[in-house]
Each structure stands twice: as structure tokens, then as C-alpha cells.
Amino acid sequence: TNFEKFNAFRWQHLLNQINGNFVEITDQHINKIKLTDLHFIEQQKQIIVQNTMQFLYGFPANNVLLTGSRGCGKSSLVHALLNEFAAQNLRFVEIDKNDLGDLPIVIQILSKAKNNLRFIIFCDDLSFDADDNRYKALKSLLDGSMAMPPENILIYATSNHRHLMPDYFSDNNAVQKDTNYYSQNDEIHRNETVDEKISLSDRFGIWLPFYNFDQSEFLGIVNYWLNFYNIEKAIIEDEQTILSALQWATQRGSRSGRTAKQFAKDFAGKYLLAKKLQTQK
């Protein structure tokens, strides 16, 4: 694998085999999002940039878990790190949560990379079902295996769930003393089950929470992207444009950065096409 030539890779598990391979992601297919494109998440940016710089300079750094509302910049922030630091020997490897069982193989290969390359293994939308055992491979590699993780590798992951595994109201129920209460599936040591569920997220040294934006922040992001698409200031600030943006967010039930950018794309595309067709008449 040419880790020197390419900046990003996707681990591809090979069916019916015990291993896989690295698929190069060419520059034209890499998400071009920049840190300056991301707004109203300044604290999250500062923390993850600081941690990543520590990692790149060979100082102690933590694995990072980004959690919270959908579309508010978790994945974009991680992608922006590659565009910011690729020239400083940072490389990204995306791995699907279904392929986490391959992590030992992936890490073994990356640990032998030359030229002082440093790798962030990125798993997007990480979560596990209650009976899913794949999390154990990740849990062990984060912090729990007898073998220390290689110093040139960190794991960054995003999730909509703080604890990565489902929580149930029954997890908080006190164990009842009436023996007639017990059923075949009742657990005697329920606290141990709860500890098991949260112990995976505990192994990430840094947690970064994300939230939906308020109306002012949402409109600020809309304005940024409309300006990015070269829409005139008067159009951006027009009351009808603002109303359309708010209706777009209401219809989708989210004032997220993703929703704001999607509106800007739709609005700018329609506006610019109409303008072009008008000039052709």
C-alpha cells in the first residue's frame, strides 16, 4: 500500500477471507471541507485540533469520540483535519463498523508504515446492538489489551449515541427481592451489564458533544454557504430567502449544519440556473 502517495484510505474487508486490503481514496474524491467552513463549533474544533497536533508532533494524545445531533459537523470536523494536516504526514483510514473485527490486522500493517507517517483510524456512525460482540475488538484496542496501541495510530469515531450501545429503562431498575419476579432473562448482576455498556465510550480519552443550532446560528451557516456559492448579498439578506431557509429546516425537523448546506445548495442551484437561462433569452 502506497501510504506516502495517498492521504486517505478505506479498509475493505474481503468476503470469505480472514483479511482485507486498503483502497486508496484519490484527492478528487476526498471531502474538501475545511476547518474554516465549520461554524459555531469553535470549542470542539479547538480541542480536536490541539489533540491532533499533539499526535503529529509525537506527544501524548487521546482517542476521540464525537457524539450528538445528526448533521451538526461531527464527520465534517474529522474530514477537515485531513485537509489541514495531510502535509504534516497525517493519513486517514476509514473502517466500517461491520469490519471492526479486522482492526488487529489493520493496526499491525499501519504500525509498520515508514517515513514517520501517523494514522487516524476513522469509524463513522459508530453504534452497536445489545447482542453485538464486535465492540469488544475496539474496546480492547482502545485501552485494555496487554499490547499497547502503536504510537503512530489514533482512533476517532462519531456516534449519535453517547454510550455507543443501547440503554434501557430496565438497566436502572433495582433488583427486586421477590423471587417470583425473576424470569429466564433477568440478570442478577445488572450493574455489571450497565458498566459493560458504558465502558467502551470510557476508553475514548476525549468526548466532544455536538448539538442542534439555534435559529440565529442556523441562518449564519446558511449565509456562509450562499456566499460560498456566489449569491449576491441582497438576495442572501432578503426576507423571502430567510423565510425559505427556516421553512426548509422545519420540514426536515433539524437546524443542523448539514440542513443549512443542503438548503444553500438547493437555493443557489435554482437561483443561478434561472439567472443563466434569463441571460440566454
C-alpha atoms as a PDB file:
ATOM      1  CA  THR A   1       0.000   0.000   0.000  1.00  0.00           C
ATOM      2  CA  ASN A   2       1.359   3.389  -1.012  1.00  0.00           C
ATOM      3  CA  PHE A   3       0.814   5.333   2.195  1.00  0.00           C
ATOM      4  CA  GLU A   4       3.238   8.033   1.030  1.00  0.00           C
ATOM      5  CA  LYS A   5       1.404   8.891  -2.199  1.00  0.00           C
ATOM      6  CA  PHE A   6      -2.200   8.918  -0.963  1.00  0.00           C
ATOM      7  CA  ASN A   7      -3.620  10.700   2.066  1.00  0.00           C
ATOM      8  CA  ALA A   8      -6.753   8.660   2.714  1.00  0.00           C
ATOM      9  CA  PHE A   9      -7.708   5.002   2.519  1.00  0.00           C
ATOM     10  CA  ARG A  10     -10.722   2.813   3.089  1.00  0.00           C
ATOM     11  CA  TRP A  11     -10.302  -0.619   4.614  1.00  0.00           C
ATOM     12  CA  GLN A  12     -12.166  -3.165   2.503  1.00  0.00           C
ATOM     13  CA  HIS A  13     -12.977  -6.490   4.077  1.00  0.00           C
ATOM     14  CA  LEU A  14     -12.717  -9.411   1.682  1.00  0.00           C
ATOM     15  CA  LEU A  15     -15.667 -11.765   1.861  1.00  0.00           C
ATOM     16  CA  ASN A  16     -14.951 -15.350   2.822  1.00  0.00           C
ATOM     17  CA  GLN A  17     -11.399 -14.399   3.793  1.00  0.00           C
ATOM     18  CA  ILE A  18      -9.751 -13.574   7.085  1.00  0.00           C
ATOM     19  CA  ASN A  19      -8.257 -10.278   5.919  1.00  0.00           C
ATOM     20  CA  GLY A  20      -8.835  -7.353   3.568  1.00  0.00           C
ATOM     21  CA  ASN A  21      -6.972  -4.556   1.842  1.00  0.00           C
ATOM     22  CA  PHE A  22      -6.535  -0.791   1.787  1.00  0.00           C
ATOM     23  CA  VAL A  23      -8.331   1.040  -1.024  1.00  0.00           C
ATOM     24  CA  GLU A  24      -6.767   4.392  -1.910  1.00  0.00           C
ATOM     25  CA  ILE A  25      -9.052   7.445  -1.945  1.00  0.00           C
ATOM     26  CA  THR A  26      -7.790   9.805  -4.620  1.00  0.00           C
ATOM     27  CA  ASP A  27      -7.599  13.539  -3.994  1.00  0.00           C
ATOM     28  CA  GLN A  28     -10.577  14.336  -6.225  1.00  0.00           C
ATOM     29  CA  HIS A  29     -12.767  12.055  -4.108  1.00  0.00           C
ATOM     30  CA  ILE A  30     -11.685  13.379  -0.710  1.00  0.00           C
ATOM     31  CA  ASN A  31     -14.151  15.637   1.073  1.00  0.00           C
ATOM     32  CA  LYS A  32     -12.718  19.154   0.579  1.00  0.00           C
ATOM     33  CA  ILE A  33     -14.307  20.614   3.726  1.00  0.00           C
ATOM     34  CA  LYS A  34     -12.014  22.955   5.649  1.00  0.00           C
ATOM     35  CA  LEU A  35     -11.907  23.932   9.299  1.00  0.00           C
ATOM     36  CA  THR A  36     -12.845  27.485   8.283  1.00  0.00           C
ATOM     37  CA  ASP A  37     -16.042  26.127   6.685  1.00  0.00           C
ATOM     38  CA  LEU A  38     -17.311  24.926  10.055  1.00  0.00           C
ATOM     39  CA  HIS A  39     -19.069  27.420  12.290  1.00  0.00           C
ATOM     40  CA  PHE A  40     -20.447  27.563  15.844  1.00  0.00           C
ATOM     41  CA  ILE A  41     -18.414  24.546  16.965  1.00  0.00           C
ATOM     42  CA  GLU A  42     -15.330  26.518  17.947  1.00  0.00           C
ATOM     43  CA  GLN A  43     -14.726  24.686  21.210  1.00  0.00           C
ATOM     44  CA  GLN A  44     -14.922  21.282  19.527  1.00  0.00           C
ATOM     45  CA  LYS A  45     -12.562  22.463  16.797  1.00  0.00           C
ATOM     46  CA  GLN A  46     -10.051  23.805  19.276  1.00  0.00           C
ATOM     47  CA  ILE A  47      -9.962  20.596  21.300  1.00  0.00           C
ATOM     48  CA  ILE A  48      -9.641  18.177  18.405  1.00  0.00           C
ATOM     49  CA  VAL A  49      -7.082  20.325  16.556  1.00  0.00           C
ATOM     50  CA  GLN A  50      -4.986  20.566  19.711  1.00  0.00           C
ATOM     51  CA  ASN A  51      -5.154  16.802  20.245  1.00  0.00           C
ATOM     52  CA  THR A  52      -4.290  16.101  16.597  1.00  0.00           C
ATOM     53  CA  MET A  53      -1.286  18.444  16.686  1.00  0.00           C
ATOM     54  CA  GLN A  54      -0.002  16.725  19.817  1.00  0.00           C
ATOM     55  CA  PHE A  55      -0.293  13.433  17.953  1.00  0.00           C
ATOM     56  CA  LEU A  56       1.512  14.723  14.861  1.00  0.00           C
ATOM     57  CA  TYR A  57       4.424  16.074  16.925  1.00  0.00           C
ATOM     58  CA  GLY A  58       4.815  12.769  18.723  1.00  0.00           C
ATOM     59  CA  PHE A  59       3.455  13.927  22.063  1.00  0.00           C
ATOM     60  CA  PRO A  60       0.798  12.062  24.083  1.00  0.00           C
ATOM     61  CA  ALA A  61      -2.694  12.321  22.577  1.00  0.00           C
ATOM     62  CA  ASN A  62      -6.095  10.701  23.083  1.00  0.00           C
ATOM     63  CA  ASN A  63      -8.556   8.752  21.003  1.00  0.00           C
ATOM     64  CA  VAL A  64     -11.620  10.909  20.334  1.00  0.00           C
ATOM     65  CA  LEU A  65     -15.355  10.195  20.364  1.00  0.00           C
ATOM     66  CA  LEU A  66     -17.621  12.814  18.758  1.00  0.00           C
ATOM     67  CA  THR A  67     -21.257  12.404  19.777  1.00  0.00           C
ATOM     68  CA  GLY A  68     -24.584  14.140  19.409  1.00  0.00           C
ATOM     69  CA  SER A  69     -27.082  15.503  16.965  1.00  0.00           C
ATOM     70  CA  ARG A  70     -27.014  14.375  13.348  1.00  0.00           C
ATOM     71  CA  GLY A  71     -25.676  16.766  10.755  1.00  0.00           C
ATOM     72  CA  CYS A  72     -24.014  19.172  13.198  1.00  0.00           C
ATOM     73  CA  GLY A  73     -20.463  18.731  11.974  1.00  0.00           C
ATOM     74  CA  LYS A  74     -19.035  15.613  13.636  1.00  0.00           C
ATOM     75  CA  SER A  75     -17.856  13.862  10.470  1.00  0.00           C
ATOM     76  CA  SER A  76     -17.064  17.114   8.678  1.00  0.00           C
ATOM     77  CA  LEU A  77     -14.770  18.170  11.503  1.00  0.00           C
ATOM     78  CA  VAL A  78     -12.809  14.927  11.260  1.00  0.00           C
ATOM     79  CA  HIS A  79     -12.588  15.190   7.457  1.00  0.00           C
ATOM     80  CA  ALA A  80     -11.365  18.780   7.772  1.00  0.00           C
ATOM     81  CA  LEU A  81      -8.434  17.592   9.874  1.00  0.00           C
ATOM     82  CA  LEU A  82      -7.054  15.650   6.922  1.00  0.00           C
ATOM     83  CA  ASN A  83      -7.194  18.707   4.667  1.00  0.00           C
ATOM     84  CA  GLU A  84      -5.474  20.736   7.382  1.00  0.00           C
ATOM     85  CA  PHE A  85      -2.701  18.310   8.307  1.00  0.00           C
ATOM     86  CA  ALA A  86      -2.080  15.946   5.374  1.00  0.00           C
ATOM     87  CA  ALA A  87       1.118  17.842   4.558  1.00  0.00           C
ATOM     88  CA  GLN A  88       2.360  17.025   8.076  1.00  0.00           C
ATOM     89  CA  ASN A  89       2.293  13.259   7.418  1.00  0.00           C
ATOM     90  CA  LEU A  90      -1.262  12.692   8.653  1.00  0.00           C
ATOM     91  CA  ARG A  91      -3.108   9.839   6.953  1.00  0.00           C
ATOM     92  CA  PHE A  92      -6.709   8.673   7.336  1.00  0.00           C
ATOM     93  CA  VAL A  93      -8.077   5.153   7.225  1.00  0.00           C
ATOM     94  CA  GLU A  94     -11.845   4.742   7.185  1.00  0.00           C
ATOM     95  CA  ILE A  95     -13.230   1.494   8.512  1.00  0.00           C
ATOM     96  CA  ASP A  96     -16.860   0.427   8.598  1.00  0.00           C
ATOM     97  CA  LYS A  97     -18.208  -0.651  11.961  1.00  0.00           C
ATOM     98  CA  ASN A  98     -19.080  -4.009  10.369  1.00  0.00           C
ATOM     99  CA  ASP A  99     -15.368  -4.570   9.738  1.00  0.00           C
ATOM    100  CA  LEU A 100     -14.086  -3.724  13.209  1.00  0.00           C
ATOM    101  CA  GLY A 101     -13.112  -7.340  13.670  1.00  0.00           C
ATOM    102  CA  ASP A 102     -10.289  -6.591  11.217  1.00  0.00           C
ATOM    103  CA  LEU A 103      -8.800  -3.895  13.456  1.00  0.00           C
ATOM    104  CA  PRO A 104      -5.912  -6.065  14.703  1.00  0.00           C
ATOM    105  CA  ILE A 105      -4.854  -6.673  11.091  1.00  0.00           C
ATOM    106  CA  VAL A 106      -5.240  -3.009  10.144  1.00  0.00           C
ATOM    107  CA  ILE A 107      -3.212  -1.827  13.116  1.00  0.00           C
ATOM    108  CA  GLN A 108      -0.490  -4.407  12.543  1.00  0.00           C
ATOM    109  CA  ILE A 109       0.000  -3.124   8.983  1.00  0.00           C
ATOM    110  CA  LEU A 110      -0.152   0.576   9.889  1.00  0.00           C
ATOM    111  CA  SER A 111       2.283   0.160  12.749  1.00  0.00           C
ATOM    112  CA  LYS A 112       4.958  -0.850  10.222  1.00  0.00           C
ATOM    113  CA  ALA A 113       4.498   2.188   7.957  1.00  0.00           C
ATOM    114  CA  LYS A 114       7.659   4.167   7.238  1.00  0.00           C
ATOM    115  CA  ASN A 115       8.588   7.842   6.873  1.00  0.00           C
ATOM    116  CA  ASN A 116       7.065   8.905  10.187  1.00  0.00           C
ATOM    117  CA  LEU A 117       3.506   8.652   8.888  1.00  0.00           C
ATOM    118  CA  ARG A 118       0.788   8.943  11.503  1.00  0.00           C
ATOM    119  CA  PHE A 119      -2.656   7.437  11.080  1.00  0.00           C
ATOM    120  CA  ILE A 120      -6.114   8.277  12.318  1.00  0.00           C
ATOM    121  CA  ILE A 121      -8.452   5.322  12.000  1.00  0.00           C
ATOM    122  CA  PHE A 122     -11.914   6.802  11.493  1.00  0.00           C
ATOM    123  CA  CYS A 123     -15.193   4.978  12.131  1.00  0.00           C
ATOM    124  CA  ASP A 124     -18.304   6.992  11.310  1.00  0.00           C
ATOM    125  CA  ASP A 125     -21.725   6.474  12.902  1.00  0.00           C
ATOM    126  CA  LEU A 126     -20.482   4.017  15.473  1.00  0.00           C
ATOM    127  CA  SER A 127     -23.075   2.099  17.483  1.00  0.00           C
ATOM    128  CA  PHE A 128     -23.756  -1.470  18.483  1.00  0.00           C
ATOM    129  CA  ASP A 129     -26.791  -3.593  19.198  1.00  0.00           C
ATOM    130  CA  ALA A 130     -27.127  -5.099  22.639  1.00  0.00           C
ATOM    131  CA  ASP A 131     -26.066  -8.546  21.389  1.00  0.00           C
ATOM    132  CA  ASP A 132     -23.320  -7.265  19.079  1.00  0.00           C
ATOM    133  CA  ASN A 133     -19.877  -8.502  20.105  1.00  0.00           C
ATOM    134  CA  ARG A 134     -17.874  -6.525  17.559  1.00  0.00           C
ATOM    135  CA  TYR A 135     -17.391  -3.723  20.060  1.00  0.00           C
ATOM    136  CA  LYS A 136     -15.070  -5.960  22.073  1.00  0.00           C
ATOM    137  CA  ALA A 137     -12.317  -5.744  19.445  1.00  0.00           C
ATOM    138  CA  LEU A 138     -12.481  -1.958  19.521  1.00  0.00           C
ATOM    139  CA  LYS A 139     -12.695  -1.872  23.315  1.00  0.00           C
ATOM    140  CA  SER A 140      -9.591  -3.978  23.699  1.00  0.00           C
ATOM    141  CA  LEU A 141      -7.554  -1.940  21.254  1.00  0.00           C
ATOM    142  CA  LEU A 142      -8.575   1.398  22.754  1.00  0.00           C
ATOM    143  CA  ASP A 143      -7.402   0.576  26.229  1.00  0.00           C
ATOM    144  CA  GLY A 144      -7.457  -2.871  27.685  1.00  0.00           C
ATOM    145  CA  SER A 145      -5.210  -5.096  25.658  1.00  0.00           C
ATOM    146  CA  MET A 146      -1.908  -6.315  27.059  1.00  0.00           C
ATOM    147  CA  ALA A 147      -0.231  -4.936  23.945  1.00  0.00           C
ATOM    148  CA  MET A 148      -0.065  -1.142  23.899  1.00  0.00           C
ATOM    149  CA  PRO A 149      -1.532   0.529  20.775  1.00  0.00           C
ATOM    150  CA  PRO A 150       1.185   1.750  18.381  1.00  0.00           C
ATOM    151  CA  GLU A 151       2.195   5.381  18.979  1.00  0.00           C
ATOM    152  CA  ASN A 152       1.542   6.286  15.331  1.00  0.00           C
ATOM    153  CA  ILE A 153      -2.180   5.406  15.456  1.00  0.00           C
ATOM    154  CA  LEU A 154      -5.237   7.073  16.981  1.00  0.00           C
ATOM    155  CA  ILE A 155      -8.909   6.200  16.655  1.00  0.00           C
ATOM    156  CA  TYR A 156     -11.509   8.896  16.010  1.00  0.00           C
ATOM    157  CA  ALA A 157     -15.164   7.871  15.916  1.00  0.00           C
ATOM    158  CA  THR A 158     -18.555   9.559  15.603  1.00  0.00           C
ATOM    159  CA  SER A 159     -21.845   8.397  17.039  1.00  0.00           C
ATOM    160  CA  ASN A 160     -25.350   9.666  17.686  1.00  0.00           C
ATOM    161  CA  HIS A 161     -25.250   7.785  20.986  1.00  0.00           C
ATOM    162  CA  ARG A 162     -23.106   8.855  23.912  1.00  0.00           C
ATOM    163  CA  HIS A 163     -22.644   5.298  25.201  1.00  0.00           C
ATOM    164  CA  LEU A 164     -22.437   3.602  21.760  1.00  0.00           C
ATOM    165  CA  MET A 165     -24.705   0.800  22.955  1.00  0.00           C
ATOM    166  CA  PRO A 166     -28.464   0.878  23.658  1.00  0.00           C
ATOM    167  CA  ASP A 167     -29.681   1.843  27.101  1.00  0.00           C
ATOM    168  CA  TYR A 168     -32.914   0.573  28.605  1.00  0.00           C
ATOM    169  CA  PHE A 169     -35.012   1.831  31.472  1.00  0.00           C
ATOM    170  CA  SER A 170     -34.659  -1.630  32.925  1.00  0.00           C
ATOM    171  CA  ASP A 171     -30.921  -1.010  33.311  1.00  0.00           C
ATOM    172  CA  ASN A 172     -31.767   1.437  36.083  1.00  0.00           C
ATOM    173  CA  ASN A 173     -34.274  -0.751  37.904  1.00  0.00           C
ATOM    174  CA  ALA A 174     -33.268  -2.063  41.286  1.00  0.00           C
ATOM    175  CA  VAL A 175     -33.125  -5.824  41.510  1.00  0.00           C
ATOM    176  CA  GLN A 176     -36.334  -6.953  43.106  1.00  0.00           C
ATOM    177  CA  LYS A 177     -36.203  -9.351  46.009  1.00  0.00           C
ATOM    178  CA  ASP A 178     -39.357 -11.226  45.179  1.00  0.00           C
ATOM    179  CA  THR A 179     -38.137 -14.458  43.638  1.00  0.00           C
ATOM    180  CA  ASN A 180     -41.402 -14.771  41.746  1.00  0.00           C
ATOM    181  CA  TYR A 181     -40.349 -11.654  39.815  1.00  0.00           C
ATOM    182  CA  TYR A 182     -37.416 -13.289  38.092  1.00  0.00           C
ATOM    183  CA  SER A 183     -37.752 -14.572  34.571  1.00  0.00           C
ATOM    184  CA  GLN A 184     -35.374 -16.512  32.435  1.00  0.00           C
ATOM    185  CA  ASN A 185     -33.723 -13.343  31.106  1.00  0.00           C
ATOM    186  CA  ASP A 186     -33.327 -11.464  34.395  1.00  0.00           C
ATOM    187  CA  GLU A 187     -29.740 -10.687  35.315  1.00  0.00           C
ATOM    188  CA  ILE A 188     -28.563 -10.936  38.882  1.00  0.00           C
ATOM    189  CA  HIS A 189     -25.586  -8.584  38.434  1.00  0.00           C
ATOM    190  CA  ARG A 190     -27.350  -5.850  36.478  1.00  0.00           C
ATOM    191  CA  ASN A 191     -24.790  -3.194  37.444  1.00  0.00           C
ATOM    192  CA  GLU A 192     -22.107  -5.161  35.638  1.00  0.00           C
ATOM    193  CA  THR A 193     -24.208  -5.063  32.467  1.00  0.00           C
ATOM    194  CA  VAL A 194     -24.566  -1.293  32.717  1.00  0.00           C
ATOM    195  CA  ASP A 195     -20.812  -0.906  33.318  1.00  0.00           C
ATOM    196  CA  GLU A 196     -20.137  -3.016  30.231  1.00  0.00           C
ATOM    197  CA  LYS A 197     -22.299  -0.727  28.120  1.00  0.00           C
ATOM    198  CA  ILE A 198     -20.532   2.467  29.124  1.00  0.00           C
ATOM    199  CA  SER A 199     -17.015   1.063  29.373  1.00  0.00           C
ATOM    200  CA  LEU A 200     -16.452   1.308  25.616  1.00  0.00           C
ATOM    201  CA  SER A 201     -17.049   5.059  25.442  1.00  0.00           C
ATOM    202  CA  ASP A 202     -14.982   5.480  28.615  1.00  0.00           C
ATOM    203  CA  ARG A 203     -11.962   4.243  26.681  1.00  0.00           C
ATOM    204  CA  PHE A 204     -12.014   7.314  24.455  1.00  0.00           C
ATOM    205  CA  GLY A 205      -9.920   9.906  26.255  1.00  0.00           C
ATOM    206  CA  ILE A 206     -11.788  12.846  24.713  1.00  0.00           C
ATOM    207  CA  TRP A 207     -15.555  13.171  24.244  1.00  0.00           C
ATOM    208  CA  LEU A 208     -16.846  16.005  22.067  1.00  0.00           C
ATOM    209  CA  PRO A 209     -20.619  16.649  22.245  1.00  0.00           C
ATOM    210  CA  PHE A 210     -22.489  18.326  19.357  1.00  0.00           C
ATOM    211  CA  TYR A 211     -25.930  19.938  19.431  1.00  0.00           C
ATOM    212  CA  ASN A 212     -28.518  21.363  17.063  1.00  0.00           C
ATOM    213  CA  PHE A 213     -28.003  25.047  16.311  1.00  0.00           C
ATOM    214  CA  ASP A 214     -30.389  27.778  17.314  1.00  0.00           C
ATOM    215  CA  GLN A 215     -32.158  29.839  14.645  1.00  0.00           C
ATOM    216  CA  SER A 216     -29.534  32.573  14.513  1.00  0.00           C
ATOM    217  CA  GLU A 217     -26.684  30.078  14.162  1.00  0.00           C
ATOM    218  CA  PHE A 218     -28.580  28.118  11.505  1.00  0.00           C
ATOM    219  CA  LEU A 219     -29.142  31.256   9.430  1.00  0.00           C
ATOM    220  CA  GLY A 220     -25.491  32.191   9.895  1.00  0.00           C
ATOM    221  CA  ILE A 221     -24.437  28.896   8.319  1.00  0.00           C
ATOM    222  CA  VAL A 222     -26.970  29.370   5.502  1.00  0.00           C
ATOM    223  CA  ASN A 223     -25.483  32.807   4.812  1.00  0.00           C
ATOM    224  CA  TYR A 224     -21.961  31.391   4.747  1.00  0.00           C
ATOM    225  CA  TRP A 225     -22.784  28.765   2.135  1.00  0.00           C
ATOM    226  CA  LEU A 226     -24.913  31.078  -0.011  1.00  0.00           C
ATOM    227  CA  ASN A 227     -21.963  33.455  -0.089  1.00  0.00           C
ATOM    228  CA  PHE A 228     -19.700  30.480  -0.910  1.00  0.00           C
ATOM    229  CA  TYR A 229     -21.912  29.809  -3.955  1.00  0.00           C
ATOM    230  CA  ASN A 230     -21.573  33.481  -5.024  1.00  0.00           C
ATOM    231  CA  ILE A 231     -25.118  34.564  -4.278  1.00  0.00           C
ATOM    232  CA  GLU A 232     -25.492  38.348  -4.042  1.00  0.00           C
ATOM    233  CA  LYS A 233     -25.654  39.847  -0.557  1.00  0.00           C
ATOM    234  CA  ALA A 234     -29.021  41.451  -1.254  1.00  0.00           C
ATOM    235  CA  ILE A 235     -30.504  38.077  -2.132  1.00  0.00           C
ATOM    236  CA  ILE A 236     -28.971  36.406   0.910  1.00  0.00           C
ATOM    237  CA  GLU A 237     -30.431  39.040   3.226  1.00  0.00           C
ATOM    238  CA  ASP A 238     -33.836  39.133   1.524  1.00  0.00           C
ATOM    239  CA  GLU A 239     -36.724  38.266   3.862  1.00  0.00           C
ATOM    240  CA  GLN A 240     -38.048  35.656   1.451  1.00  0.00           C
ATOM    241  CA  THR A 241     -34.676  33.869   1.392  1.00  0.00           C
ATOM    242  CA  ILE A 242     -34.607  33.796   5.195  1.00  0.00           C
ATOM    243  CA  LEU A 243     -38.187  32.518   5.355  1.00  0.00           C
ATOM    244  CA  SER A 244     -37.409  29.806   2.798  1.00  0.00           C
ATOM    245  CA  ALA A 245     -34.400  28.670   4.847  1.00  0.00           C
ATOM    246  CA  LEU A 246     -36.461  28.439   8.032  1.00  0.00           C
ATOM    247  CA  GLN A 247     -39.219  26.514   6.242  1.00  0.00           C
ATOM    248  CA  TRP A 248     -36.597  24.128   4.858  1.00  0.00           C
ATOM    249  CA  ALA A 249     -35.343  23.447   8.388  1.00  0.00           C
ATOM    250  CA  THR A 250     -38.887  22.979   9.732  1.00  0.00           C
ATOM    251  CA  GLN A 251     -39.752  20.471   7.010  1.00  0.00           C
ATOM    252  CA  ARG A 252     -36.681  18.422   7.895  1.00  0.00           C
ATOM    253  CA  GLY A 253     -37.070  18.782  11.637  1.00  0.00           C
ATOM    254  CA  SER A 254     -33.470  19.931  12.073  1.00  0.00           C
ATOM    255  CA  ARG A 255     -31.490  23.169  12.256  1.00  0.00           C
ATOM    256  CA  SER A 256     -28.198  21.430  11.616  1.00  0.00           C
ATOM    257  CA  GLY A 257     -25.196  22.477   9.590  1.00  0.00           C
ATOM    258  CA  ARG A 258     -25.984  19.739   7.097  1.00  0.00           C
ATOM    259  CA  THR A 259     -29.531  21.034   6.643  1.00  0.00           C
ATOM    260  CA  ALA A 260     -28.217  24.579   6.181  1.00  0.00           C
ATOM    261  CA  LYS A 261     -25.785  23.499   3.477  1.00  0.00           C
ATOM    262  CA  GLN A 262     -28.436  21.408   1.731  1.00  0.00           C
ATOM    263  CA  PHE A 263     -30.745  24.425   1.607  1.00  0.00           C
ATOM    264  CA  ALA A 264     -27.945  26.619   0.280  1.00  0.00           C
ATOM    265  CA  LYS A 265     -27.196  24.121  -2.487  1.00  0.00           C
ATOM    266  CA  ASP A 266     -30.853  23.902  -3.474  1.00  0.00           C
ATOM    267  CA  PHE A 267     -31.421  27.662  -3.352  1.00  0.00           C
ATOM    268  CA  ALA A 268     -28.175  28.590  -5.097  1.00  0.00           C
ATOM    269  CA  GLY A 269     -28.641  25.970  -7.807  1.00  0.00           C
ATOM    270  CA  LYS A 270     -32.165  27.141  -8.649  1.00  0.00           C
ATOM    271  CA  TYR A 271     -31.247  30.823  -8.478  1.00  0.00           C
ATOM    272  CA  LEU A 272     -28.107  30.554 -10.609  1.00  0.00           C
ATOM    273  CA  LEU A 273     -29.822  28.361 -13.207  1.00  0.00           C
ATOM    274  CA  ALA A 274     -32.743  30.793 -13.517  1.00  0.00           C
ATOM    275  CA  LYS A 275     -30.305  33.667 -13.849  1.00  0.00           C
ATOM    276  CA  LYS A 276     -28.361  31.901 -16.582  1.00  0.00           C
ATOM    277  CA  LEU A 277     -31.480  30.971 -18.539  1.00  0.00           C
ATOM    278  CA  GLN A 278     -32.670  34.556 -18.300  1.00  0.00           C
ATOM    279  CA  THR A 279     -29.464  35.842 -19.894  1.00  0.00           C
ATOM    280  CA  GLN A 280     -29.856  33.382 -22.782  1.00  0.00           C
ATOM    281  CA  LYS A 281     -33.201  34.793 -23.819  1.00  0.00           C
END
